Amino acid sequence: MHKDLPLTEGVFYILIALRKPNHGYGIIQDVQLMTDGRLVLGAGTLYGAINTMLDKGWIKLYSEEVASRKKKEYIITSTGKEMVKFETERLEELIRNSKKIMEDRI
């Protein structure tokens, strides 16, 4: 297993939200939409995660709008895509094993 797994739910959804260039507020909206409002990211959580993912090379700065409050857009990197793949495989294993166990008990 990769040393950075498991990902937090928030990080997982942020990475997915960055499949296309996106800025902070757009990420928050996308995550809310993907989870039907169940997961609402706060600004502190979002920007803390963004800084961590930038440091790890999972995302990169896509563009920066210097004129209007320096709005920054980010995008997932190939390393970030690998992390999504690893986490998806881990979660699929959990589901497979859970189904096996539950089917055996019925």
PDB file of N, CA and C in Angstrom:
ATOM      1  N   MET A   1       0.848  -1.180   0.000  1.00  0.00           N
ATOM      2  CA  MET A   1       0.000   0.000   0.000  1.00  0.00           C
ATOM      3  C   MET A   1       0.896   1.247   0.000  1.00  0.00           C
ATOM      4  N   HIS A   2       0.433   2.279  -0.650  1.00  0.00           N
ATOM      5  CA  HIS A   2       1.166   3.547  -0.715  1.00  0.00           C
ATOM      6  C   HIS A   2       1.185   4.201   0.663  1.00  0.00           C
ATOM      7  N   LYS A   3       2.298   4.833   1.008  1.00  0.00           N
ATOM      8  CA  LYS A   3       2.452   5.429   2.351  1.00  0.00           C
ATOM      9  C   LYS A   3       1.467   6.557   2.643  1.00  0.00           C
ATOM     10  N   ASP A   4       0.905   7.188   1.612  1.00  0.00           N
ATOM     11  CA  ASP A   4      -0.027   8.297   1.828  1.00  0.00           C
ATOM     12  C   ASP A   4      -1.488   7.852   1.893  1.00  0.00           C
ATOM     13  N   LEU A   5      -1.720   6.545   1.831  1.00  0.00           N
ATOM     14  CA  LEU A   5      -3.091   6.044   1.915  1.00  0.00           C
ATOM     15  C   LEU A   5      -3.410   5.658   3.340  1.00  0.00           C
ATOM     16  N   PRO A   6      -4.636   5.741   3.748  1.00  0.00           N
ATOM     17  CA  PRO A   6      -5.799   6.192   2.982  1.00  0.00           C
ATOM     18  C   PRO A   6      -5.838   7.712   2.877  1.00  0.00           C
ATOM     19  N   LEU A   7      -6.455   8.178   1.808  1.00  0.00           N
ATOM     20  CA  LEU A   7      -6.704   9.610   1.658  1.00  0.00           C
ATOM     21  C   LEU A   7      -7.912   9.990   2.496  1.00  0.00           C
ATOM     22  N   THR A   8      -7.940  11.218   2.959  1.00  0.00           N
ATOM     23  CA  THR A   8      -9.166  11.674   3.604  1.00  0.00           C
ATOM     24  C   THR A   8     -10.218  11.840   2.514  1.00  0.00           C
ATOM     25  N   GLU A   9     -11.460  11.799   2.913  1.00  0.00           N
ATOM     26  CA  GLU A   9     -12.540  11.964   1.950  1.00  0.00           C
ATOM     27  C   GLU A   9     -12.438  13.313   1.240  1.00  0.00           C
ATOM     28  N   GLY A  10     -12.111  14.345   2.004  1.00  0.00           N
ATOM     29  CA  GLY A  10     -11.988  15.675   1.420  1.00  0.00           C
ATOM     30  C   GLY A  10     -10.900  15.742   0.357  1.00  0.00           C
ATOM     31  N   VAL A  11      -9.729  15.193   0.645  1.00  0.00           N
ATOM     32  CA  VAL A  11      -8.622  15.197  -0.312  1.00  0.00           C
ATOM     33  C   VAL A  11      -9.007  14.413  -1.565  1.00  0.00           C
ATOM     34  N   PHE A  12      -9.646  13.273  -1.376  1.00  0.00           N
ATOM     35  CA  PHE A  12     -10.077  12.453  -2.511  1.00  0.00           C
ATOM     36  C   PHE A  12     -10.994  13.256  -3.431  1.00  0.00           C
ATOM     37  N   TYR A  13     -11.990  13.920  -2.863  1.00  0.00           N
ATOM     38  CA  TYR A  13     -12.923  14.699  -3.674  1.00  0.00           C
ATOM     39  C   TYR A  13     -12.277  15.938  -4.294  1.00  0.00           C
ATOM     40  N   ILE A  14     -11.352  16.566  -3.580  1.00  0.00           N
ATOM     41  CA  ILE A  14     -10.650  17.722  -4.153  1.00  0.00           C
ATOM     42  C   ILE A  14      -9.868  17.284  -5.387  1.00  0.00           C
ATOM     43  N   LEU A  15      -9.169  16.157  -5.297  1.00  0.00           N
ATOM     44  CA  LEU A  15      -8.412  15.659  -6.447  1.00  0.00           C
ATOM     45  C   LEU A  15      -9.340  15.407  -7.634  1.00  0.00           C
ATOM     46  N   ILE A  16     -10.487  14.807  -7.374  1.00  0.00           N
ATOM     47  CA  ILE A  16     -11.444  14.544  -8.458  1.00  0.00           C
ATOM     48  C   ILE A  16     -11.964  15.862  -9.037  1.00  0.00           C
ATOM     49  N   ALA A  17     -12.210  16.833  -8.170  1.00  0.00           N
ATOM     50  CA  ALA A  17     -12.713  18.133  -8.629  1.00  0.00           C
ATOM     51  C   ALA A  17     -11.693  18.862  -9.498  1.00  0.00           C
ATOM     52  N   LEU A  18     -10.424  18.464  -9.385  1.00  0.00           N
ATOM     53  CA  LEU A  18      -9.373  19.125 -10.161  1.00  0.00           C
ATOM     54  C   LEU A  18      -9.020  18.364 -11.439  1.00  0.00           C
ATOM     55  N   ARG A  19      -9.946  17.553 -11.919  1.00  0.00           N
ATOM     56  CA  ARG A  19      -9.757  16.864 -13.209  1.00  0.00           C
ATOM     57  C   ARG A  19      -9.720  17.877 -14.341  1.00  0.00           C
ATOM     58  N   LYS A  20     -10.285  19.042 -14.064  1.00  0.00           N
ATOM     59  CA  LYS A  20     -10.212  20.187 -14.978  1.00  0.00           C
ATOM     60  C   LYS A  20      -9.777  21.376 -14.135  1.00  0.00           C
ATOM     61  N   PRO A  21      -9.189  22.413 -14.735  1.00  0.00           N
ATOM     62  CA  PRO A  21      -8.748  23.563 -13.936  1.00  0.00           C
ATOM     63  C   PRO A  21      -9.899  24.130 -13.106  1.00  0.00           C
ATOM     64  N   ASN A  22      -9.608  24.420 -11.859  1.00  0.00           N
ATOM     65  CA  ASN A  22     -10.649  24.903 -10.959  1.00  0.00           C
ATOM     66  C   ASN A  22     -10.017  25.770  -9.876  1.00  0.00           C
ATOM     67  N   HIS A  23     -10.789  26.718  -9.357  1.00  0.00           N
ATOM     68  CA  HIS A  23     -10.333  27.584  -8.267  1.00  0.00           C
ATOM     69  C   HIS A  23     -11.035  27.150  -6.984  1.00  0.00           C
ATOM     70  N   GLY A  24     -10.631  27.743  -5.876  1.00  0.00           N
ATOM     71  CA  GLY A  24     -11.122  27.330  -4.566  1.00  0.00           C
ATOM     72  C   GLY A  24     -12.628  27.236  -4.445  1.00  0.00           C
ATOM     73  N   TYR A  25     -13.335  28.301  -4.774  1.00  0.00           N
ATOM     74  CA  TYR A  25     -14.793  28.285  -4.635  1.00  0.00           C
ATOM     75  C   TYR A  25     -15.416  27.247  -5.565  1.00  0.00           C
ATOM     76  N   GLY A  26     -14.851  27.100  -6.756  1.00  0.00           N
ATOM     77  CA  GLY A  26     -15.346  26.093  -7.696  1.00  0.00           C
ATOM     78  C   GLY A  26     -15.166  24.682  -7.155  1.00  0.00           C
ATOM     79  N   ILE A  27     -14.050  24.439  -6.481  1.00  0.00           N
ATOM     80  CA  ILE A  27     -13.795  23.129  -5.872  1.00  0.00           C
ATOM     81  C   ILE A  27     -14.846  22.854  -4.804  1.00  0.00           C
ATOM     82  N   ILE A  28     -15.087  23.844  -3.944  1.00  0.00           N
ATOM     83  CA  ILE A  28     -16.087  23.687  -2.885  1.00  0.00           C
ATOM     84  C   ILE A  28     -17.443  23.338  -3.487  1.00  0.00           C
ATOM     85  N   GLN A  29     -17.835  24.046  -4.535  1.00  0.00           N
ATOM     86  CA  GLN A  29     -19.120  23.788  -5.189  1.00  0.00           C
ATOM     87  C   GLN A  29     -19.160  22.401  -5.826  1.00  0.00           C
ATOM     88  N   ASP A  30     -18.096  22.006  -6.520  1.00  0.00           N
ATOM     89  CA  ASP A  30     -18.052  20.691  -7.169  1.00  0.00           C
ATOM     90  C   ASP A  30     -18.168  19.559  -6.155  1.00  0.00           C
ATOM     91  N   VAL A  31     -17.450  19.684  -5.048  1.00  0.00           N
ATOM     92  CA  VAL A  31     -17.488  18.646  -4.020  1.00  0.00           C
ATOM     93  C   VAL A  31     -18.893  18.553  -3.428  1.00  0.00           C
ATOM     94  N   GLN A  32     -19.511  19.683  -3.158  1.00  0.00           N
ATOM     95  CA  GLN A  32     -20.885  19.666  -2.644  1.00  0.00           C
ATOM     96  C   GLN A  32     -21.824  18.987  -3.636  1.00  0.00           C
ATOM     97  N   LEU A  33     -21.672  19.296  -4.905  1.00  0.00           N
ATOM     98  CA  LEU A  33     -22.508  18.713  -5.942  1.00  0.00           C
ATOM     99  C   LEU A  33     -22.287  17.201  -6.043  1.00  0.00           C
ATOM    100  N   MET A  34     -21.027  16.772  -6.062  1.00  0.00           N
ATOM    101  CA  MET A  34     -20.712  15.338  -6.172  1.00  0.00           C
ATOM    102  C   MET A  34     -21.264  14.538  -5.002  1.00  0.00           C
ATOM    103  N   THR A  35     -21.332  15.160  -3.820  1.00  0.00           N
ATOM    104  CA  THR A  35     -21.764  14.432  -2.620  1.00  0.00           C
ATOM    105  C   THR A  35     -23.205  14.767  -2.229  1.00  0.00           C
ATOM    106  N   ASP A  36     -23.930  15.393  -3.141  1.00  0.00           N
ATOM    107  CA  ASP A  36     -25.317  15.808  -2.858  1.00  0.00           C
ATOM    108  C   ASP A  36     -25.423  16.626  -1.575  1.00  0.00           C
ATOM    109  N   GLY A  37     -24.417  17.473  -1.335  1.00  0.00           N
ATOM    110  CA  GLY A  37     -24.437  18.366  -0.180  1.00  0.00           C
ATOM    111  C   GLY A  37     -23.964  17.735   1.116  1.00  0.00           C
ATOM    112  N   ARG A  38     -23.608  16.453   1.097  1.00  0.00           N
ATOM    113  CA  ARG A  38     -23.180  15.778   2.319  1.00  0.00           C
ATOM    114  C   ARG A  38     -21.834  16.298   2.820  1.00  0.00           C
ATOM    115  N   LEU A  39     -20.929  16.606   1.885  1.00  0.00           N
ATOM    116  CA  LEU A  39     -19.601  17.094   2.267  1.00  0.00           C
ATOM    117  C   LEU A  39     -19.457  18.549   1.843  1.00  0.00           C
ATOM    118  N   VAL A  40     -19.304  19.411   2.833  1.00  0.00           N
ATOM    119  CA  VAL A  40     -19.114  20.840   2.581  1.00  0.00           C
ATOM    120  C   VAL A  40     -17.733  21.204   3.130  1.00  0.00           C
ATOM    121  N   LEU A  41     -16.838  21.569   2.226  1.00  0.00           N
ATOM    122  CA  LEU A  41     -15.479  21.919   2.635  1.00  0.00           C
ATOM    123  C   LEU A  41     -15.410  23.360   3.101  1.00  0.00           C
ATOM    124  N   GLY A  42     -14.799  23.572   4.241  1.00  0.00           N
ATOM    125  CA  GLY A  42     -14.538  24.925   4.702  1.00  0.00           C
ATOM    126  C   GLY A  42     -13.289  25.460   4.024  1.00  0.00           C
ATOM    127  N   ALA A  43     -13.147  26.766   3.974  1.00  0.00           N
ATOM    128  CA  ALA A  43     -12.002  27.385   3.307  1.00  0.00           C
ATOM    129  C   ALA A  43     -10.683  26.941   3.939  1.00  0.00           C
ATOM    130  N   GLY A  44     -10.619  26.879   5.247  1.00  0.00           N
ATOM    131  CA  GLY A  44      -9.388  26.470   5.926  1.00  0.00           C
ATOM    132  C   GLY A  44      -8.987  25.048   5.574  1.00  0.00           C
ATOM    133  N   THR A  45      -9.956  24.159   5.566  1.00  0.00           N
ATOM    134  CA  THR A  45      -9.709  22.759   5.193  1.00  0.00           C
ATOM    135  C   THR A  45      -9.237  22.678   3.749  1.00  0.00           C
ATOM    136  N   LEU A  46      -9.941  23.383   2.866  1.00  0.00           N
ATOM    137  CA  LEU A  46      -9.609  23.352   1.445  1.00  0.00           C
ATOM    138  C   LEU A  46      -8.192  23.851   1.197  1.00  0.00           C
ATOM    139  N   TYR A  47      -7.863  25.036   1.696  1.00  0.00           N
ATOM    140  CA  TYR A  47      -6.558  25.615   1.382  1.00  0.00           C
ATOM    141  C   TYR A  47      -5.413  24.904   2.093  1.00  0.00           C
ATOM    142  N   GLY A  48      -5.687  24.320   3.252  1.00  0.00           N
ATOM    143  CA  GLY A  48      -4.678  23.478   3.903  1.00  0.00           C
ATOM    144  C   GLY A  48      -4.378  22.254   3.057  1.00  0.00           C
ATOM    145  N   ALA A  49      -5.436  21.628   2.540  1.00  0.00           N
ATOM    146  CA  ALA A  49      -5.279  20.450   1.681  1.00  0.00           C
ATOM    147  C   ALA A  49      -4.583  20.822   0.374  1.00  0.00           C
ATOM    148  N   ILE A  50      -4.957  21.953  -0.198  1.00  0.00           N
ATOM    149  CA  ILE A  50      -4.319  22.399  -1.444  1.00  0.00           C
ATOM    150  C   ILE A  50      -2.811  22.585  -1.242  1.00  0.00           C
ATOM    151  N   ASN A  51      -2.429  23.229  -0.159  1.00  0.00           N
ATOM    152  CA  ASN A  51      -0.995  23.435   0.104  1.00  0.00           C
ATOM    153  C   ASN A  51      -0.260  22.110   0.273  1.00  0.00           C
ATOM    154  N   THR A  52      -0.866  21.168   0.980  1.00  0.00           N
ATOM    155  CA  THR A  52      -0.265  19.848   1.159  1.00  0.00           C
ATOM    156  C   THR A  52      -0.120  19.131  -0.182  1.00  0.00           C
ATOM    157  N   MET A  53      -1.177  19.179  -1.000  1.00  0.00           N
ATOM    158  CA  MET A  53      -1.145  18.489  -2.292  1.00  0.00           C
ATOM    159  C   MET A  53      -0.170  19.153  -3.266  1.00  0.00           C
ATOM    160  N   LEU A  54      -0.018  20.466  -3.168  1.00  0.00           N
ATOM    161  CA  LEU A  54       0.993  21.161  -3.981  1.00  0.00           C
ATOM    162  C   LEU A  54       2.388  20.676  -3.587  1.00  0.00           C
ATOM    163  N   ASP A  55       2.634  20.594  -2.265  1.00  0.00           N
ATOM    164  CA  ASP A  55       3.937  20.138  -1.764  1.00  0.00           C
ATOM    165  C   ASP A  55       4.244  18.713  -2.212  1.00  0.00           C
ATOM    166  N   LYS A  56       3.213  17.857  -2.276  1.00  0.00           N
ATOM    167  CA  LYS A  56       3.404  16.458  -2.660  1.00  0.00           C
ATOM    168  C   LYS A  56       3.428  16.266  -4.171  1.00  0.00           C
ATOM    169  N   GLY A  57       3.100  17.309  -4.912  1.00  0.00           N
ATOM    170  CA  GLY A  57       3.104  17.207  -6.366  1.00  0.00           C
ATOM    171  C   GLY A  57       1.861  16.549  -6.940  1.00  0.00           C
ATOM    172  N   TRP A  58       0.790  16.467  -6.157  1.00  0.00           N
ATOM    173  CA  TRP A  58      -0.454  15.838  -6.612  1.00  0.00           C
ATOM    174  C   TRP A  58      -1.284  16.794  -7.460  1.00  0.00           C
ATOM    175  N   ILE A  59      -1.099  18.085  -7.226  1.00  0.00           N
ATOM    176  CA  ILE A  59      -1.766  19.123  -8.014  1.00  0.00           C
ATOM    177  C   ILE A  59      -0.730  20.184  -8.350  1.00  0.00           C
ATOM    178  N   LYS A  60      -1.067  21.039  -9.308  1.00  0.00           N
ATOM    179  CA  LYS A  60      -0.168  22.147  -9.629  1.00  0.00           C
ATOM    180  C   LYS A  60      -0.999  23.381  -9.934  1.00  0.00           C
ATOM    181  N   LEU A  61      -0.350  24.518  -9.836  1.00  0.00           N
ATOM    182  CA  LEU A  61      -0.985  25.774 -10.187  1.00  0.00           C
ATOM    183  C   LEU A  61      -1.199  25.786 -11.693  1.00  0.00           C
ATOM    184  N   TYR A  62      -2.415  26.057 -12.109  1.00  0.00           N
ATOM    185  CA  TYR A  62      -2.749  26.087 -13.530  1.00  0.00           C
ATOM    186  C   TYR A  62      -2.671  27.513 -14.071  1.00  0.00           C
ATOM    187  N   SER A  63      -3.273  28.438 -13.316  1.00  0.00           N
ATOM    188  CA  SER A  63      -3.214  29.851 -13.704  1.00  0.00           C
ATOM    189  C   SER A  63      -3.462  30.718 -12.482  1.00  0.00           C
ATOM    190  N   GLU A  64      -3.035  31.954 -12.597  1.00  0.00           N
ATOM    191  CA  GLU A  64      -3.227  32.906 -11.506  1.00  0.00           C
ATOM    192  C   GLU A  64      -3.664  34.227 -12.114  1.00  0.00           C
ATOM    193  N   GLU A  65      -4.790  34.709 -11.643  1.00  0.00           N
ATOM    194  CA  GLU A  65      -5.337  35.981 -12.126  1.00  0.00           C
ATOM    195  C   GLU A  65      -4.818  37.096 -11.225  1.00  0.00           C
ATOM    196  N   VAL A  66      -3.860  37.831 -11.701  1.00  0.00           N
ATOM    197  CA  VAL A  66      -3.209  38.845 -10.867  1.00  0.00           C
ATOM    198  C   VAL A  66      -4.098  40.051 -10.605  1.00  0.00           C
ATOM    199  N   ALA A  67      -4.966  40.372 -11.508  1.00  0.00           N
ATOM    200  CA  ALA A  67      -5.793  41.577 -11.374  1.00  0.00           C
ATOM    201  C   ALA A  67      -6.828  41.462 -10.254  1.00  0.00           C
ATOM    202  N   SER A  68      -7.559  40.358 -10.199  1.00  0.00           N
ATOM    203  CA  SER A  68      -8.657  40.279  -9.233  1.00  0.00           C
ATOM    204  C   SER A  68      -8.335  39.344  -8.073  1.00  0.00           C
ATOM    205  N   ARG A  69      -7.769  39.900  -7.038  1.00  0.00           N
ATOM    206  CA  ARG A  69      -7.465  39.181  -5.798  1.00  0.00           C
ATOM    207  C   ARG A  69      -6.652  37.908  -6.003  1.00  0.00           C
ATOM    208  N   LYS A  70      -5.918  37.852  -7.070  1.00  0.00           N
ATOM    209  CA  LYS A  70      -5.035  36.722  -7.320  1.00  0.00           C
ATOM    210  C   LYS A  70      -5.759  35.379  -7.267  1.00  0.00           C
ATOM    211  N   LYS A  71      -6.887  35.287  -7.958  1.00  0.00           N
ATOM    212  CA  LYS A  71      -7.615  34.023  -8.030  1.00  0.00           C
ATOM    213  C   LYS A  71      -6.736  32.982  -8.714  1.00  0.00           C
ATOM    214  N   LYS A  72      -6.538  31.842  -8.059  1.00  0.00           N
ATOM    215  CA  LYS A  72      -5.673  30.806  -8.584  1.00  0.00           C
ATOM    216  C   LYS A  72      -6.508  29.602  -8.998  1.00  0.00           C
ATOM    217  N   GLU A  73      -6.121  29.013 -10.114  1.00  0.00           N
ATOM    218  CA  GLU A  73      -6.736  27.765 -10.550  1.00  0.00           C
ATOM    219  C   GLU A  73      -5.692  26.662 -10.440  1.00  0.00           C
ATOM    220  N   TYR A  74      -6.161  25.494 -10.043  1.00  0.00           N
ATOM    221  CA  TYR A  74      -5.290  24.338  -9.871  1.00  0.00           C
ATOM    222  C   TYR A  74      -5.783  23.212 -10.770  1.00  0.00           C
ATOM    223  N   ILE A  75      -4.894  22.240 -11.005  1.00  0.00           N
ATOM    224  CA  ILE A  75      -5.261  21.060 -11.783  1.00  0.00           C
ATOM    225  C   ILE A  75      -4.490  19.862 -11.235  1.00  0.00           C
ATOM    226  N   ILE A  76      -5.088  18.689 -11.356  1.00  0.00           N
ATOM    227  CA  ILE A  76      -4.453  17.460 -10.877  1.00  0.00           C
ATOM    228  C   ILE A  76      -3.264  17.113 -11.777  1.00  0.00           C
ATOM    229  N   THR A  77      -2.225  16.514 -11.194  1.00  0.00           N
ATOM    230  CA  THR A  77      -1.052  16.059 -11.952  1.00  0.00           C
ATOM    231  C   THR A  77      -1.163  14.550 -12.182  1.00  0.00           C
ATOM    232  N   SER A  78      -0.235  14.007 -12.930  1.00  0.00           N
ATOM    233  CA  SER A  78      -0.241  12.550 -13.137  1.00  0.00           C
ATOM    234  C   SER A  78      -0.026  11.819 -11.811  1.00  0.00           C
ATOM    235  N   THR A  79       0.769  12.393 -10.919  1.00  0.00           N
ATOM    236  CA  THR A  79       0.963  11.792  -9.591  1.00  0.00           C
ATOM    237  C   THR A  79      -0.340  11.814  -8.794  1.00  0.00           C
ATOM    238  N   GLY A  80      -1.075  12.906  -8.896  1.00  0.00           N
ATOM    239  CA  GLY A  80      -2.374  12.992  -8.232  1.00  0.00           C
ATOM    240  C   GLY A  80      -3.354  11.976  -8.787  1.00  0.00           C
ATOM    241  N   LYS A  81      -3.324  11.784 -10.104  1.00  0.00           N
ATOM    242  CA  LYS A  81      -4.199  10.776 -10.726  1.00  0.00           C
ATOM    243  C   LYS A  81      -3.852   9.374 -10.226  1.00  0.00           C
ATOM    244  N   GLU A  82      -2.558   9.117 -10.042  1.00  0.00           N
ATOM    245  CA  GLU A  82      -2.139   7.823  -9.486  1.00  0.00           C
ATOM    246  C   GLU A  82      -2.685   7.639  -8.080  1.00  0.00           C
ATOM    247  N   MET A  83      -2.672   8.709  -7.286  1.00  0.00           N
ATOM    248  CA  MET A  83      -3.193   8.614  -5.919  1.00  0.00           C
ATOM    249  C   MET A  83      -4.690   8.302  -5.926  1.00  0.00           C
ATOM    250  N   VAL A  84      -5.429   8.927  -6.843  1.00  0.00           N
ATOM    251  CA  VAL A  84      -6.864   8.630  -6.968  1.00  0.00           C
ATOM    252  C   VAL A  84      -7.040   7.161  -7.343  1.00  0.00           C
ATOM    253  N   LYS A  85      -6.226   6.673  -8.257  1.00  0.00           N
ATOM    254  CA  LYS A  85      -6.305   5.271  -8.689  1.00  0.00           C
ATOM    255  C   LYS A  85      -6.016   4.335  -7.511  1.00  0.00           C
ATOM    256  N   PHE A  86      -4.935   4.603  -6.770  1.00  0.00           N
ATOM    257  CA  PHE A  86      -4.589   3.768  -5.618  1.00  0.00           C
ATOM    258  C   PHE A  86      -5.715   3.756  -4.584  1.00  0.00           C
ATOM    259  N   GLU A  87      -6.250   4.930  -4.304  1.00  0.00           N
ATOM    260  CA  GLU A  87      -7.313   5.019  -3.298  1.00  0.00           C
ATOM    261  C   GLU A  87      -8.577   4.325  -3.786  1.00  0.00           C
ATOM    262  N   THR A  88      -8.901   4.455  -5.064  1.00  0.00           N
ATOM    263  CA  THR A  88     -10.078   3.787  -5.621  1.00  0.00           C
ATOM    264  C   THR A  88      -9.924   2.277  -5.503  1.00  0.00           C
ATOM    265  N   GLU A  89      -8.743   1.768  -5.814  1.00  0.00           N
ATOM    266  CA  GLU A  89      -8.489   0.330  -5.683  1.00  0.00           C
ATOM    267  C   GLU A  89      -8.617  -0.123  -4.235  1.00  0.00           C
ATOM    268  N   ARG A  90      -8.121   0.686  -3.302  1.00  0.00           N
ATOM    269  CA  ARG A  90      -8.223   0.354  -1.875  1.00  0.00           C
ATOM    270  C   ARG A  90      -9.676   0.292  -1.444  1.00  0.00           C
ATOM    271  N   LEU A  91     -10.464   1.285  -1.883  1.00  0.00           N
ATOM    272  CA  LEU A  91     -11.881   1.323  -1.516  1.00  0.00           C
ATOM    273  C   LEU A  91     -12.658   0.171  -2.154  1.00  0.00           C
ATOM    274  N   GLU A  92     -12.321  -0.167  -3.394  1.00  0.00           N
ATOM    275  CA  GLU A  92     -12.975  -1.304  -4.053  1.00  0.00           C
ATOM    276  C   GLU A  92     -12.687  -2.611  -3.319  1.00  0.00           C
ATOM    277  N   GLU A  93     -11.465  -2.768  -2.811  1.00  0.00           N
ATOM    278  CA  GLU A  93     -11.127  -3.949  -2.024  1.00  0.00           C
ATOM    279  C   GLU A  93     -11.981  -4.017  -0.758  1.00  0.00           C
ATOM    280  N   LEU A  94     -12.137  -2.881  -0.101  1.00  0.00           N
ATOM    281  CA  LEU A  94     -12.980  -2.840   1.099  1.00  0.00           C
ATOM    282  C   LEU A  94     -14.405  -3.299   0.789  1.00  0.00           C
ATOM    283  N   ILE A  95     -14.946  -2.797  -0.304  1.00  0.00           N
ATOM    284  CA  ILE A  95     -16.312  -3.145  -0.684  1.00  0.00           C
ATOM    285  C   ILE A  95     -16.405  -4.629  -1.034  1.00  0.00           C
ATOM    286  N   ARG A  96     -15.452  -5.138  -1.831  1.00  0.00           N
ATOM    287  CA  ARG A  96     -15.454  -6.560  -2.193  1.00  0.00           C
ATOM    288  C   ARG A  96     -15.421  -7.441  -0.959  1.00  0.00           C
ATOM    289  N   ASN A  97     -14.517  -7.132  -0.040  1.00  0.00           N
ATOM    290  CA  ASN A  97     -14.388  -7.947   1.167  1.00  0.00           C
ATOM    291  C   ASN A  97     -15.623  -7.850   2.044  1.00  0.00           C
ATOM    292  N   SER A  98     -16.197  -6.675   2.134  1.00  0.00           N
ATOM    293  CA  SER A  98     -17.417  -6.501   2.919  1.00  0.00           C
ATOM    294  C   SER A  98     -18.560  -7.328   2.339  1.00  0.00           C
ATOM    295  N   LYS A  99     -18.700  -7.299   1.015  1.00  0.00           N
ATOM    296  CA  LYS A  99     -19.767  -8.071   0.363  1.00  0.00           C
ATOM    297  C   LYS A  99     -19.571  -9.570   0.576  1.00  0.00           C
ATOM    298  N   LYS A 100     -18.319 -10.030   0.479  1.00  0.00           N
ATOM    299  CA  LYS A 100     -18.034 -11.456   0.713  1.00  0.00           C
ATOM    300  C   LYS A 100     -18.453 -11.866   2.110  1.00  0.00           C
ATOM    301  N   ILE A 101     -18.050 -11.082   3.080  1.00  0.00           N
ATOM    302  CA  ILE A 101     -18.352 -11.388   4.477  1.00  0.00           C
ATOM    303  C   ILE A 101     -19.862 -11.386   4.711  1.00  0.00           C
ATOM    304  N   MET A 102     -20.530 -10.384   4.195  1.00  0.00           N
ATOM    305  CA  MET A 102     -21.970 -10.263   4.418  1.00  0.00           C
ATOM    306  C   MET A 102     -22.746 -11.359   3.693  1.00  0.00           C
ATOM    307  N   GLU A 103     -22.293 -11.768   2.516  1.00  0.00           N
ATOM    308  CA  GLU A 103     -22.951 -12.857   1.790  1.00  0.00           C
ATOM    309  C   GLU A 103     -22.760 -14.187   2.509  1.00  0.00           C
ATOM    310  N   ASP A 104     -21.607 -14.390   3.126  1.00  0.00           N
ATOM    311  CA  ASP A 104     -21.329 -15.627   3.839  1.00  0.00           C
ATOM    312  C   ASP A 104     -22.212 -15.765   5.083  1.00  0.00           C
ATOM    313  N   ARG A 105     -22.621 -14.665   5.637  1.00  0.00           N
ATOM    314  CA  ARG A 105     -23.409 -14.698   6.888  1.00  0.00           C
ATOM    315  C   ARG A 105     -24.902 -14.840   6.631  1.00  0.00           C
ATOM    316  N   ILE A 106     -25.311 -14.653   5.396  1.00  0.00           N
ATOM    317  CA  ILE A 106     -26.750 -14.713   5.112  1.00  0.00           C
ATOM    318  C   ILE A 106     -27.165 -16.136   4.819  1.00  0.00           C
TER     319      ILE A 106
END
